[in-house]
Structure formats: structure tokens, C-alpha cells
Amino acid sequence: MFEIILSGGWLMLPILLGSMVALAICIERYLALQPRKIAPRHLLGDVWGWVKNNQLNAEKLRELKKGSPLGLLLATGLTNARHGRELMKESIEEAASYVVHDLERYLNTLGTIAVISPLLGLLGTVVGMIDVFNQVVIHGSGNPAVLADGISKALITTAAGLTVAIPALFMHRYFTRRVDEIVVVLEQESIKLVDAVHGDRKVELKEIA
């Protein structure tokens, strides 16, 4: 295997580097994008219980902000609740922009790796084919085995690039979809709090899958 990688030429280096970065991002995002960590079950019900029982204070708000992204949104909304419904919603939306940005961390990098890996592989193949034809010009084409060996080595980078790009693209789509689903849950729970604070809805204890 190591010999095959070496035969692919210097362009195998950025492809391999990209594969390691992609793997690290996938592991980190898989651990980070756990719905129950981002929007803990029953959190909204617990917070509303504090509000109704007059148990909400500055210390609990600080803990709520640090506890989870949903907690940050709820705490931000409650902090601005006294200024009216619209300002409460605007403050939540502003905080949500930071939360979404954090949820999407490294996904652009993963998508970039998925795009450029096959291009690097193709570039490696083109460079390899140029070398093969240079050898043909110098030594002639009398030995087909040598020619076939050179072509096969030139194609190694294309295969390597596709091997990195396909799973990277799949995982990028997977994580993007997961972020979208989490954002919907955060939005729903935040709107419930706004409606509850301003008397339009009762908050029910809900388990978030």
C-alpha cells in the first residue's frame, strides 16, 4: 500500500492530508452535533417552571446560557422579555445566528475537501500522463508493459482523490441535514417560549429526540 501511495507522486500528499482533515472534522462534528446536547429534553419545560414559580435569577440565566445552545437562546429571550414580544424575538434571532454559525463550523472545509480532492487526483493523472508520453518520446513505445505500468501509476491519484471525495461529500450532506433539523427544533422551542411569556401558549414538557 505504501508503495502504491509513493508511486502516485507528490500530489498524493495534499490528497492524504485532505483525507486526514476530513476524518477529523467528521469525528468532531458527529460528537458535537448531538441533538440532546444542543437542545436538551425538557429544558423548555424546566425553564418555564422557573418563570412561573419566580425561581429565575441571574445565576440560573448564566447557567442556562452556558449549558447548551438552546439554553443560550432561551436565556437571551428571557433577558429581553420585558421589552416586548418583538424585541424578544429579535434578540433570540440574533443569538440564533451565532448558534447556527457554530453548528456549521468546519462544514465549509469538509465541502471544500470533497470538491478539490478529485481535482487534485485528476491533476496528478494529467502530470503522470505527461511523464508517460515524455518517456515514449525518449525511449519509444516498443515495450507496452512499461507504458501500461506508467499509465496505471498515473491513475492512482484519480482513484485516491475519488476515494477521499465520495465519503467527504456524503458526510457533508449528512451534517448539513442534521444542522437543518436541529435549527428547526431550536426555532420551535424558542417560539414556544415567546408565545408562553406573552400569554399565547402554554408550555408543555416535551422530549426532544
Foldseek 3Di string as FASTA:
>chain_A
DVVLLVLLDPLSVVLVVLLVLLVVVLVVLVVVLDLCQAPNAQPLVVVVVCVVVVNDDPVVLVCQCPRHLLSVLLSQLVVCVVVDLVVSVVSSVVSVVVVLVVSCPCLVVLLVLLPCLLVSLVVSLVVLVVVLVVCCVVPNCPDVVVSVVSNVSSNSSNVSSNVRNPVSVVSSVVSVVSSVVSSVVSVVSSVQSSCVSVVNDDDDRGGDD
